[in-house]
Amino acid sequence: MSEAKVLGVIGLGSMGYGAAVSAMKRGVSTFGLDSSAAARERFAAAGGQLAASLADLAARCDVVQLLVVNAMQTEAVLFGRNDDEGGLAATLRRGAVVIASATVDPTLPPQWEARLAERGIHLIDGPVSGGAKKAAEGQMTVMASGRPEAFAAAGAVLEAIAGKVYRLGDKAGIGSTVKMVNQHLAGVHIAAACEAMALGMRAGADPASLYEVICNSAGMSWMFQNRVPHILEGDYTPLSSVNIFVKDLGIVLDAARKLAFPLPLAAAAHQLYLATAAAGHGNEDDAAVVKFYAALAGLELPQKKA
């Protein structure tokens, strides 16, 4: 890189850990911060540098990526709990860049962009996709939008954390709009995959054979191929949880409501995630939607091997 930038990653979960480690491997000096001791220890074990606090990270970094869970956490990190007290907005140097990567209502990033600009801080609306595996390989997709000067100030950091960076527009909000559409499709595809597998099993098909055939047929989707192995292995360790899609499809439906735009498929999928969460599976992997159908039809699902 022509000008070395220091990256800070706040949120060292599956995506944040992958982004931080990938940046390190590509020669970017990287600091991490997470409320979870286990996440901090994992990053440190990989050779990562830990910031002592939000203010410490802000003092060290030129670019900060927020890979937290939702809009509420994003706003708390940006502006503090009591509006502009203790957040990045009060501690980052002028000219620094924030990459906001949580899936949020697309109307929020333009508000954050304007508030940060008042303090001379740039914002890139940069939600991500690809899952933990692609994040760890530095191959996740960033759906980015923001002012040209924000991209210029970020230098090559975006390319260090991702395989593909799409610059989608010159203002915040467009990146989150595209991510919203992605989550619409992802949520519907996972729900459809679970429904289809349950149907096949209820009708007597061998689940492993069913999976292999569909993966080599026109009905295959990336989500079917990626999530059905969780069902076959009986392993619902959450890489992305049911509750994530309760949230994300909620964002999709809220946006559609404002646009007076009908989304019957997204609404049906959202109800499946809600029902699965209500049955006690909200913190399990999103493939646990299959358990909703299993309970209805008395299906015996594959069990995780000891």
C-alpha atoms as a PDB file:
ATOM      1  CA  MET A   1       0.000   0.000   0.000  1.00  0.00           C
ATOM      2  CA  SER A   2       1.250   3.445  -0.831  1.00  0.00           C
ATOM      3  CA  GLU A   3       0.203   4.782   2.557  1.00  0.00           C
ATOM      4  CA  ALA A   4       0.040   2.429   5.526  1.00  0.00           C
ATOM      5  CA  LYS A   5      -3.278   2.539   7.341  1.00  0.00           C
ATOM      6  CA  VAL A   6      -3.979   1.094  10.759  1.00  0.00           C
ATOM      7  CA  LEU A   7      -7.231  -0.846  11.010  1.00  0.00           C
ATOM      8  CA  GLY A   8      -9.410  -1.344  14.046  1.00  0.00           C
ATOM      9  CA  VAL A   9     -12.087  -4.034  14.086  1.00  0.00           C
ATOM     10  CA  ILE A  10     -14.842  -3.774  16.677  1.00  0.00           C
ATOM     11  CA  GLY A  11     -16.711  -7.051  17.005  1.00  0.00           C
ATOM     12  CA  LEU A  12     -14.508 -10.142  16.723  1.00  0.00           C
ATOM     13  CA  GLY A  13     -17.221 -12.693  16.053  1.00  0.00           C
ATOM     14  CA  SER A  14     -17.092 -15.005  13.060  1.00  0.00           C
ATOM     15  CA  MET A  15     -17.069 -12.219  10.475  1.00  0.00           C
ATOM     16  CA  GLY A  16     -15.055  -9.698  12.462  1.00  0.00           C
ATOM     17  CA  TYR A  17     -12.400 -12.222  13.433  1.00  0.00           C
ATOM     18  CA  GLY A  18     -12.054 -13.291   9.806  1.00  0.00           C
ATOM     19  CA  ALA A  19     -11.802  -9.716   8.572  1.00  0.00           C
ATOM     20  CA  ALA A  20      -9.194  -8.791  11.182  1.00  0.00           C
ATOM     21  CA  VAL A  21      -7.025 -11.853  10.597  1.00  0.00           C
ATOM     22  CA  SER A  22      -7.241 -11.460   6.816  1.00  0.00           C
ATOM     23  CA  ALA A  23      -6.123  -7.839   7.061  1.00  0.00           C
ATOM     24  CA  MET A  24      -3.195  -8.878   9.268  1.00  0.00           C
ATOM     25  CA  LYS A  25      -2.139 -11.527   6.748  1.00  0.00           C
ATOM     26  CA  ARG A  26      -2.154  -8.865   4.044  1.00  0.00           C
ATOM     27  CA  GLY A  27       0.202  -6.633   5.993  1.00  0.00           C
ATOM     28  CA  VAL A  28      -2.281  -4.235   7.604  1.00  0.00           C
ATOM     29  CA  SER A  29      -1.528  -3.354  11.219  1.00  0.00           C
ATOM     30  CA  THR A  30      -4.765  -4.344  12.955  1.00  0.00           C
ATOM     31  CA  PHE A  31      -6.235  -3.845  16.419  1.00  0.00           C
ATOM     32  CA  GLY A  32      -9.286  -5.686  17.713  1.00  0.00           C
ATOM     33  CA  LEU A  33     -11.885  -4.979  20.370  1.00  0.00           C
ATOM     34  CA  ASP A  34     -14.746  -7.130  21.631  1.00  0.00           C
ATOM     35  CA  SER A  35     -16.796  -7.365  24.811  1.00  0.00           C
ATOM     36  CA  SER A  36     -16.270 -11.143  24.857  1.00  0.00           C
ATOM     37  CA  ALA A  37     -13.136 -12.364  26.594  1.00  0.00           C
ATOM     38  CA  ALA A  38     -13.201 -15.545  24.514  1.00  0.00           C
ATOM     39  CA  ALA A  39     -13.269 -13.526  21.285  1.00  0.00           C
ATOM     40  CA  ARG A  40     -10.381 -11.355  22.477  1.00  0.00           C
ATOM     41  CA  GLU A  41      -8.329 -14.397  23.466  1.00  0.00           C
ATOM     42  CA  ARG A  42      -8.945 -16.057  20.114  1.00  0.00           C
ATOM     43  CA  PHE A  43      -7.768 -12.968  18.247  1.00  0.00           C
ATOM     44  CA  ALA A  44      -4.709 -12.585  20.438  1.00  0.00           C
ATOM     45  CA  ALA A  45      -3.841 -16.252  19.903  1.00  0.00           C
ATOM     46  CA  ALA A  46      -3.869 -15.587  16.155  1.00  0.00           C
ATOM     47  CA  GLY A  47      -1.287 -12.849  16.658  1.00  0.00           C
ATOM     48  CA  GLY A  48      -3.717  -9.945  16.781  1.00  0.00           C
ATOM     49  CA  GLN A  49      -3.206  -6.761  18.771  1.00  0.00           C
ATOM     50  CA  LEU A  50      -5.904  -5.916  21.283  1.00  0.00           C
ATOM     51  CA  ALA A  51      -7.040  -2.391  22.100  1.00  0.00           C
ATOM     52  CA  ALA A  52      -7.597  -1.692  25.781  1.00  0.00           C
ATOM     53  CA  SER A  53     -10.734   0.368  25.175  1.00  0.00           C
ATOM     54  CA  LEU A  54     -12.748   2.156  22.519  1.00  0.00           C
ATOM     55  CA  ALA A  55     -10.732   5.329  23.110  1.00  0.00           C
ATOM     56  CA  ASP A  56      -7.468   3.374  22.863  1.00  0.00           C
ATOM     57  CA  LEU A  57      -8.532   1.844  19.542  1.00  0.00           C
ATOM     58  CA  ALA A  58      -9.655   5.220  18.206  1.00  0.00           C
ATOM     59  CA  ALA A  59      -6.308   6.770  19.105  1.00  0.00           C
ATOM     60  CA  ARG A  60      -4.394   4.081  17.212  1.00  0.00           C
ATOM     61  CA  CYS A  61      -6.474   3.584  14.077  1.00  0.00           C
ATOM     62  CA  ASP A  62      -7.082   5.364  10.785  1.00  0.00           C
ATOM     63  CA  VAL A  63      -9.918   3.067   9.706  1.00  0.00           C
ATOM     64  CA  VAL A  64     -12.395   1.325  12.025  1.00  0.00           C
ATOM     65  CA  GLN A  65     -14.728  -1.425  10.881  1.00  0.00           C
ATOM     66  CA  LEU A  66     -17.829  -2.115  12.968  1.00  0.00           C
ATOM     67  CA  LEU A  67     -18.894  -5.753  12.754  1.00  0.00           C
ATOM     68  CA  VAL A  68     -21.418  -5.639  15.572  1.00  0.00           C
ATOM     69  CA  VAL A  69     -24.864  -7.230  15.586  1.00  0.00           C
ATOM     70  CA  ASN A  70     -27.346  -4.472  14.823  1.00  0.00           C
ATOM     71  CA  ALA A  71     -28.132  -0.774  14.496  1.00  0.00           C
ATOM     72  CA  MET A  72     -28.453  -0.232  18.241  1.00  0.00           C
ATOM     73  CA  GLN A  73     -24.945  -1.553  18.860  1.00  0.00           C
ATOM     74  CA  THR A  74     -23.604   0.431  15.904  1.00  0.00           C
ATOM     75  CA  GLU A  75     -25.037   3.671  17.280  1.00  0.00           C
ATOM     76  CA  ALA A  76     -23.721   2.935  20.775  1.00  0.00           C
ATOM     77  CA  VAL A  77     -20.198   2.448  19.396  1.00  0.00           C
ATOM     78  CA  LEU A  78     -20.412   5.510  17.172  1.00  0.00           C
ATOM     79  CA  PHE A  79     -22.050   7.987  19.517  1.00  0.00           C
ATOM     80  CA  GLY A  80     -21.941   6.503  22.994  1.00  0.00           C
ATOM     81  CA  ARG A  81     -24.821   5.615  25.229  1.00  0.00           C
ATOM     82  CA  ASN A  82     -25.704   9.230  25.967  1.00  0.00           C
ATOM     83  CA  ASP A  83     -25.466  10.827  22.514  1.00  0.00           C
ATOM     84  CA  ASP A  84     -21.956  11.863  21.511  1.00  0.00           C
ATOM     85  CA  GLU A  85     -20.369  10.936  24.844  1.00  0.00           C
ATOM     86  CA  GLY A  86     -17.748   8.219  24.775  1.00  0.00           C
ATOM     87  CA  GLY A  87     -18.276   6.923  21.237  1.00  0.00           C
ATOM     88  CA  LEU A  88     -15.993   6.891  18.223  1.00  0.00           C
ATOM     89  CA  ALA A  89     -17.412  10.224  17.076  1.00  0.00           C
ATOM     90  CA  ALA A  90     -15.858  11.870  20.130  1.00  0.00           C
ATOM     91  CA  THR A  91     -12.508  10.079  19.964  1.00  0.00           C
ATOM     92  CA  LEU A  92     -11.480   9.408  16.360  1.00  0.00           C
ATOM     93  CA  ARG A  93      -9.155  11.896  14.705  1.00  0.00           C
ATOM     94  CA  ARG A  94     -10.402  14.070  11.854  1.00  0.00           C
ATOM     95  CA  GLY A  95     -10.012  12.305   8.526  1.00  0.00           C
ATOM     96  CA  ALA A  96     -10.527   8.842  10.006  1.00  0.00           C
ATOM     97  CA  VAL A  97     -12.919   6.405   8.354  1.00  0.00           C
ATOM     98  CA  VAL A  98     -15.650   4.266   9.896  1.00  0.00           C
ATOM     99  CA  ILE A  99     -16.894   1.246   7.931  1.00  0.00           C
ATOM    100  CA  ALA A 100     -20.337   0.348   9.275  1.00  0.00           C
ATOM    101  CA  SER A 101     -20.907  -3.320   8.401  1.00  0.00           C
ATOM    102  CA  ALA A 102     -23.942  -4.455  10.402  1.00  0.00           C
ATOM    103  CA  THR A 103     -27.176  -5.189   8.521  1.00  0.00           C
ATOM    104  CA  VAL A 104     -29.398  -2.199   9.302  1.00  0.00           C
ATOM    105  CA  ASP A 105     -32.361  -0.184   8.066  1.00  0.00           C
ATOM    106  CA  PRO A 106     -31.007   1.661   4.975  1.00  0.00           C
ATOM    107  CA  THR A 107     -32.367   4.978   6.272  1.00  0.00           C
ATOM    108  CA  LEU A 108     -29.874   4.979   9.177  1.00  0.00           C
ATOM    109  CA  PRO A 109     -26.432   5.166   7.497  1.00  0.00           C
ATOM    110  CA  PRO A 110     -27.157   8.558   5.877  1.00  0.00           C
ATOM    111  CA  GLN A 111     -27.952   9.917   9.348  1.00  0.00           C
ATOM    112  CA  TRP A 112     -24.697   8.517  10.745  1.00  0.00           C
ATOM    113  CA  GLU A 113     -22.786   9.873   7.749  1.00  0.00           C
ATOM    114  CA  ALA A 114     -24.077  13.394   8.385  1.00  0.00           C
ATOM    115  CA  ARG A 115     -23.364  13.312  12.128  1.00  0.00           C
ATOM    116  CA  LEU A 116     -19.832  12.007  11.649  1.00  0.00           C
ATOM    117  CA  ALA A 117     -19.133  14.526   8.883  1.00  0.00           C
ATOM    118  CA  GLU A 118     -19.757  17.315  11.382  1.00  0.00           C
ATOM    119  CA  ARG A 119     -16.665  16.051  13.220  1.00  0.00           C
ATOM    120  CA  GLY A 120     -14.580  15.535  10.092  1.00  0.00           C
ATOM    121  CA  ILE A 121     -14.968  11.746  10.162  1.00  0.00           C
ATOM    122  CA  HIS A 122     -15.847   9.746   7.060  1.00  0.00           C
ATOM    123  CA  LEU A 123     -18.394   6.919   6.877  1.00  0.00           C
ATOM    124  CA  ILE A 124     -18.528   4.023   4.447  1.00  0.00           C
ATOM    125  CA  ASP A 125     -21.832   2.172   4.520  1.00  0.00           C
ATOM    126  CA  GLY A 126     -20.257  -1.259   4.064  1.00  0.00           C
ATOM    127  CA  PRO A 127     -22.310  -4.322   5.022  1.00  0.00           C
ATOM    128  CA  VAL A 128     -20.689  -7.660   4.270  1.00  0.00           C
ATOM    129  CA  SER A 129     -21.656 -11.121   3.105  1.00  0.00           C
ATOM    130  CA  GLY A 130     -19.997 -14.482   2.651  1.00  0.00           C
ATOM    131  CA  GLY A 131     -20.093 -16.199   6.022  1.00  0.00           C
ATOM    132  CA  ALA A 132     -17.340 -17.084   8.463  1.00  0.00           C
ATOM    133  CA  LYS A 133     -15.395 -19.224   5.984  1.00  0.00           C
ATOM    134  CA  LYS A 134     -15.080 -16.521   3.339  1.00  0.00           C
ATOM    135  CA  ALA A 135     -14.333 -13.913   5.997  1.00  0.00           C
ATOM    136  CA  ALA A 136     -11.459 -16.050   7.322  1.00  0.00           C
ATOM    137  CA  GLU A 137     -10.130 -16.433   3.779  1.00  0.00           C
ATOM    138  CA  GLY A 138     -10.359 -12.700   3.116  1.00  0.00           C
ATOM    139  CA  GLN A 139     -12.942 -13.421   0.424  1.00  0.00           C
ATOM    140  CA  MET A 140     -16.122 -11.882   1.798  1.00  0.00           C
ATOM    141  CA  THR A 141     -18.098  -9.370  -0.239  1.00  0.00           C
ATOM    142  CA  VAL A 142     -18.403  -5.728   0.842  1.00  0.00           C
ATOM    143  CA  MET A 143     -21.419  -3.807  -0.474  1.00  0.00           C
ATOM    144  CA  ALA A 144     -20.082  -0.303  -0.051  1.00  0.00           C
ATOM    145  CA  SER A 145     -21.366   3.190  -0.603  1.00  0.00           C
ATOM    146  CA  GLY A 146     -20.174   6.561   0.597  1.00  0.00           C
ATOM    147  CA  ARG A 147     -18.567   9.794  -0.427  1.00  0.00           C
ATOM    148  CA  PRO A 148     -15.518   9.520  -2.723  1.00  0.00           C
ATOM    149  CA  GLU A 149     -13.330  11.143  -0.079  1.00  0.00           C
ATOM    150  CA  ALA A 150     -14.255   8.348   2.355  1.00  0.00           C
ATOM    151  CA  PHE A 151     -12.975   5.700  -0.040  1.00  0.00           C
ATOM    152  CA  ALA A 152      -9.848   7.740  -0.700  1.00  0.00           C
ATOM    153  CA  ALA A 153      -9.165   8.043   3.037  1.00  0.00           C
ATOM    154  CA  ALA A 154      -9.652   4.284   3.562  1.00  0.00           C
ATOM    155  CA  GLY A 155      -6.869   3.531   1.104  1.00  0.00           C
ATOM    156  CA  ALA A 156      -6.498  -0.191   0.379  1.00  0.00           C
ATOM    157  CA  VAL A 157      -7.959  -1.373   3.685  1.00  0.00           C
ATOM    158  CA  LEU A 158     -11.248  -2.476   2.117  1.00  0.00           C
ATOM    159  CA  GLU A 159      -9.414  -4.716  -0.328  1.00  0.00           C
ATOM    160  CA  ALA A 160      -7.432  -6.210   2.572  1.00  0.00           C
ATOM    161  CA  ILE A 161     -10.558  -7.477   4.338  1.00  0.00           C
ATOM    162  CA  ALA A 162     -12.538  -8.652   1.323  1.00  0.00           C
ATOM    163  CA  GLY A 163     -12.410 -10.569  -1.918  1.00  0.00           C
ATOM    164  CA  LYS A 164     -14.872  -8.275  -3.653  1.00  0.00           C
ATOM    165  CA  VAL A 165     -15.642  -4.636  -2.912  1.00  0.00           C
ATOM    166  CA  TYR A 166     -18.598  -3.174  -4.787  1.00  0.00           C
ATOM    167  CA  ARG A 167     -18.735   0.621  -4.825  1.00  0.00           C
ATOM    168  CA  LEU A 168     -22.444   1.174  -5.207  1.00  0.00           C
ATOM    169  CA  GLY A 169     -22.848   4.930  -4.919  1.00  0.00           C
ATOM    170  CA  ASP A 170     -21.575   8.202  -3.532  1.00  0.00           C
ATOM    171  CA  LYS A 171     -23.756   8.325  -0.448  1.00  0.00           C
ATOM    172  CA  ALA A 172     -24.423   6.103   2.528  1.00  0.00           C
ATOM    173  CA  GLY A 173     -27.562   3.964   2.453  1.00  0.00           C
ATOM    174  CA  ILE A 174     -27.156   2.307  -0.925  1.00  0.00           C
ATOM    175  CA  GLY A 175     -24.849  -0.370   0.464  1.00  0.00           C
ATOM    176  CA  SER A 176     -27.399  -1.232   3.134  1.00  0.00           C
ATOM    177  CA  THR A 177     -30.167  -1.313   0.530  1.00  0.00           C
ATOM    178  CA  VAL A 178     -28.280  -3.912  -1.498  1.00  0.00           C
ATOM    179  CA  LYS A 179     -27.518  -5.922   1.654  1.00  0.00           C
ATOM    180  CA  MET A 180     -31.211  -5.818   2.537  1.00  0.00           C
ATOM    181  CA  VAL A 181     -32.047  -7.398  -0.822  1.00  0.00           C
ATOM    182  CA  ASN A 182     -29.370 -10.032  -0.231  1.00  0.00           C
ATOM    183  CA  GLN A 183     -30.870 -10.873   3.158  1.00  0.00           C
ATOM    184  CA  HIS A 184     -34.333 -11.138   1.624  1.00  0.00           C
ATOM    185  CA  LEU A 185     -33.017 -13.795  -0.744  1.00  0.00           C
ATOM    186  CA  ALA A 186     -30.858 -15.546   1.846  1.00  0.00           C
ATOM    187  CA  GLY A 187     -33.685 -15.786   4.365  1.00  0.00           C
ATOM    188  CA  VAL A 188     -36.185 -17.094   1.839  1.00  0.00           C
ATOM    189  CA  HIS A 189     -33.681 -19.595   0.418  1.00  0.00           C
ATOM    190  CA  ILE A 190     -32.816 -21.039   3.840  1.00  0.00           C
ATOM    191  CA  ALA A 191     -36.485 -21.374   4.762  1.00  0.00           C
ATOM    192  CA  ALA A 192     -37.213 -23.025   1.407  1.00  0.00           C
ATOM    193  CA  ALA A 193     -34.272 -25.419   1.828  1.00  0.00           C
ATOM    194  CA  CYS A 194     -35.533 -26.500   5.253  1.00  0.00           C
ATOM    195  CA  GLU A 195     -39.080 -26.918   3.994  1.00  0.00           C
ATOM    196  CA  ALA A 196     -37.939 -28.947   0.987  1.00  0.00           C
ATOM    197  CA  MET A 197     -35.733 -31.252   3.050  1.00  0.00           C
ATOM    198  CA  ALA A 198     -38.547 -31.836   5.539  1.00  0.00           C
ATOM    199  CA  LEU A 199     -40.925 -32.643   2.683  1.00  0.00           C
ATOM    200  CA  GLY A 200     -38.487 -35.136   1.200  1.00  0.00           C
ATOM    201  CA  MET A 201     -37.854 -36.845   4.517  1.00  0.00           C
ATOM    202  CA  ARG A 202     -41.583 -36.976   5.303  1.00  0.00           C
ATOM    203  CA  ALA A 203     -42.144 -38.686   1.952  1.00  0.00           C
ATOM    204  CA  GLY A 204     -39.452 -41.274   2.704  1.00  0.00           C
ATOM    205  CA  ALA A 205     -36.401 -40.013   0.795  1.00  0.00           C
ATOM    206  CA  ASP A 206     -32.974 -40.632   2.280  1.00  0.00           C
ATOM    207  CA  PRO A 207     -31.806 -37.170   3.386  1.00  0.00           C
ATOM    208  CA  ALA A 208     -28.159 -37.613   2.369  1.00  0.00           C
ATOM    209  CA  SER A 209     -29.123 -38.872  -1.090  1.00  0.00           C
ATOM    210  CA  LEU A 210     -31.689 -36.103  -1.438  1.00  0.00           C
ATOM    211  CA  TYR A 211     -29.033 -33.521  -0.640  1.00  0.00           C
ATOM    212  CA  GLU A 212     -26.571 -34.946  -3.174  1.00  0.00           C
ATOM    213  CA  VAL A 213     -29.134 -35.072  -5.964  1.00  0.00           C
ATOM    214  CA  ILE A 214     -30.439 -31.540  -5.377  1.00  0.00           C
ATOM    215  CA  CYS A 215     -26.884 -30.174  -5.255  1.00  0.00           C
ATOM    216  CA  ASN A 216     -26.467 -31.487  -8.800  1.00  0.00           C
ATOM    217  CA  SER A 217     -29.866 -30.371 -10.062  1.00  0.00           C
ATOM    218  CA  ALA A 218     -31.624 -27.167 -11.026  1.00  0.00           C
ATOM    219  CA  GLY A 219     -33.246 -26.726  -7.612  1.00  0.00           C
ATOM    220  CA  MET A 220     -29.919 -26.164  -5.864  1.00  0.00           C
ATOM    221  CA  SER A 221     -29.123 -22.802  -4.242  1.00  0.00           C
ATOM    222  CA  TRP A 222     -26.003 -21.674  -2.403  1.00  0.00           C
ATOM    223  CA  MET A 223     -27.970 -21.649   0.841  1.00  0.00           C
ATOM    224  CA  PHE A 224     -29.296 -25.174   0.238  1.00  0.00           C
ATOM    225  CA  GLN A 225     -25.781 -26.434  -0.408  1.00  0.00           C
ATOM    226  CA  ASN A 226     -24.353 -24.575   2.589  1.00  0.00           C
ATOM    227  CA  ARG A 227     -27.040 -25.106   5.238  1.00  0.00           C
ATOM    228  CA  VAL A 228     -28.439 -28.591   4.617  1.00  0.00           C
ATOM    229  CA  PRO A 229     -25.207 -30.254   5.865  1.00  0.00           C
ATOM    230  CA  HIS A 230     -26.031 -28.765   9.276  1.00  0.00           C
ATOM    231  CA  ILE A 231     -29.305 -30.717   9.163  1.00  0.00           C
ATOM    232  CA  LEU A 232     -27.616 -33.913   7.972  1.00  0.00           C
ATOM    233  CA  GLU A 233     -25.044 -33.643  10.765  1.00  0.00           C
ATOM    234  CA  GLY A 234     -27.605 -32.665  13.383  1.00  0.00           C
ATOM    235  CA  ASP A 235     -25.342 -29.749  14.298  1.00  0.00           C
ATOM    236  CA  TYR A 236     -27.123 -26.468  14.959  1.00  0.00           C
ATOM    237  CA  THR A 237     -24.146 -24.589  16.370  1.00  0.00           C
ATOM    238  CA  PRO A 238     -25.010 -21.045  15.265  1.00  0.00           C
ATOM    239  CA  LEU A 239     -22.852 -19.712  12.460  1.00  0.00           C
ATOM    240  CA  SER A 240     -25.832 -17.476  11.684  1.00  0.00           C
ATOM    241  CA  SER A 241     -28.778 -17.844  14.014  1.00  0.00           C
ATOM    242  CA  VAL A 242     -32.541 -18.013  13.582  1.00  0.00           C
ATOM    243  CA  ASN A 243     -32.768 -14.716  15.487  1.00  0.00           C
ATOM    244  CA  ILE A 244     -30.526 -13.013  12.922  1.00  0.00           C
ATOM    245  CA  PHE A 245     -33.140 -13.659  10.260  1.00  0.00           C
ATOM    246  CA  VAL A 246     -35.957 -12.609  12.567  1.00  0.00           C
ATOM    247  CA  LYS A 247     -34.104  -9.275  12.663  1.00  0.00           C
ATOM    248  CA  ASP A 248     -32.984  -9.077   9.038  1.00  0.00           C
ATOM    249  CA  LEU A 249     -36.283 -10.061   7.445  1.00  0.00           C
ATOM    250  CA  GLY A 250     -37.922  -7.632   9.857  1.00  0.00           C
ATOM    251  CA  ILE A 251     -35.744  -4.903   8.320  1.00  0.00           C
ATOM    252  CA  VAL A 252     -36.761  -6.063   4.844  1.00  0.00           C
ATOM    253  CA  LEU A 253     -40.472  -5.998   5.684  1.00  0.00           C
ATOM    254  CA  ASP A 254     -40.268  -2.626   7.438  1.00  0.00           C
ATOM    255  CA  ALA A 255     -38.608  -1.100   4.371  1.00  0.00           C
ATOM    256  CA  ALA A 256     -41.197  -2.634   2.063  1.00  0.00           C
ATOM    257  CA  ARG A 257     -44.011  -1.316   4.250  1.00  0.00           C
ATOM    258  CA  LYS A 258     -42.637   2.225   3.896  1.00  0.00           C
ATOM    259  CA  LEU A 259     -42.540   1.743   0.123  1.00  0.00           C
ATOM    260  CA  ALA A 260     -46.035   0.184   0.033  1.00  0.00           C
ATOM    261  CA  PHE A 261     -44.406  -2.787  -1.688  1.00  0.00           C
ATOM    262  CA  PRO A 262     -45.780  -6.333  -1.174  1.00  0.00           C
ATOM    263  CA  LEU A 263     -43.372  -9.103  -0.102  1.00  0.00           C
ATOM    264  CA  PRO A 264     -45.446 -12.256   0.452  1.00  0.00           C
ATOM    265  CA  LEU A 265     -42.475 -14.635   0.260  1.00  0.00           C
ATOM    266  CA  ALA A 266     -40.380 -12.637   2.750  1.00  0.00           C
ATOM    267  CA  ALA A 267     -43.397 -12.369   5.071  1.00  0.00           C
ATOM    268  CA  ALA A 268     -43.972 -16.127   5.015  1.00  0.00           C
ATOM    269  CA  ALA A 269     -40.282 -16.822   5.663  1.00  0.00           C
ATOM    270  CA  HIS A 270     -40.255 -14.298   8.514  1.00  0.00           C
ATOM    271  CA  GLN A 271     -43.153 -16.125  10.150  1.00  0.00           C
ATOM    272  CA  LEU A 272     -41.201 -19.403   9.943  1.00  0.00           C
ATOM    273  CA  TYR A 273     -38.206 -17.853  11.708  1.00  0.00           C
ATOM    274  CA  LEU A 274     -40.496 -16.318  14.330  1.00  0.00           C
ATOM    275  CA  ALA A 275     -42.217 -19.665  14.910  1.00  0.00           C
ATOM    276  CA  THR A 276     -38.881 -21.456  15.192  1.00  0.00           C
ATOM    277  CA  ALA A 277     -37.624 -18.854  17.667  1.00  0.00           C
ATOM    278  CA  ALA A 278     -40.854 -19.107  19.671  1.00  0.00           C
ATOM    279  CA  ALA A 279     -40.293 -22.862  19.906  1.00  0.00           C
ATOM    280  CA  GLY A 280     -36.995 -22.191  21.676  1.00  0.00           C
ATOM    281  CA  HIS A 281     -34.550 -22.400  18.780  1.00  0.00           C
ATOM    282  CA  GLY A 282     -33.816 -18.696  18.251  1.00  0.00           C
ATOM    283  CA  ASN A 283     -30.150 -18.927  19.210  1.00  0.00           C
ATOM    284  CA  GLU A 284     -29.520 -22.033  17.121  1.00  0.00           C
ATOM    285  CA  ASP A 285     -28.232 -22.091  13.547  1.00  0.00           C
ATOM    286  CA  ASP A 286     -30.752 -20.767  11.039  1.00  0.00           C
ATOM    287  CA  ALA A 287     -31.073 -24.275   9.563  1.00  0.00           C
ATOM    288  CA  ALA A 288     -33.038 -25.080  12.738  1.00  0.00           C
ATOM    289  CA  VAL A 289     -36.111 -23.908  10.824  1.00  0.00           C
ATOM    290  CA  VAL A 290     -36.294 -27.579   9.822  1.00  0.00           C
ATOM    291  CA  LYS A 291     -37.203 -28.329  13.457  1.00  0.00           C
ATOM    292  CA  PHE A 292     -40.432 -26.380  13.003  1.00  0.00           C
ATOM    293  CA  TYR A 293     -41.458 -28.803  10.259  1.00  0.00           C
ATOM    294  CA  ALA A 294     -40.167 -31.809  12.188  1.00  0.00           C
ATOM    295  CA  ALA A 295     -42.392 -30.873  15.119  1.00  0.00           C
ATOM    296  CA  LEU A 296     -45.436 -30.532  12.842  1.00  0.00           C
ATOM    297  CA  ALA A 297     -44.894 -33.797  11.002  1.00  0.00           C
ATOM    298  CA  GLY A 298     -43.318 -35.938  13.711  1.00  0.00           C
ATOM    299  CA  LEU A 299     -40.091 -36.269  11.735  1.00  0.00           C
ATOM    300  CA  GLU A 300     -37.004 -37.794  13.277  1.00  0.00           C
ATOM    301  CA  LEU A 301     -34.090 -35.583  12.291  1.00  0.00           C
ATOM    302  CA  PRO A 302     -30.459 -36.714  12.099  1.00  0.00           C
ATOM    303  CA  GLN A 303     -28.683 -36.417  15.445  1.00  0.00           C
ATOM    304  CA  LYS A 304     -25.248 -34.994  16.094  1.00  0.00           C
ATOM    305  CA  LYS A 305     -22.677 -37.706  16.586  1.00  0.00           C
ATOM    306  CA  ALA A 306     -20.985 -37.780  19.978  1.00  0.00           C
END
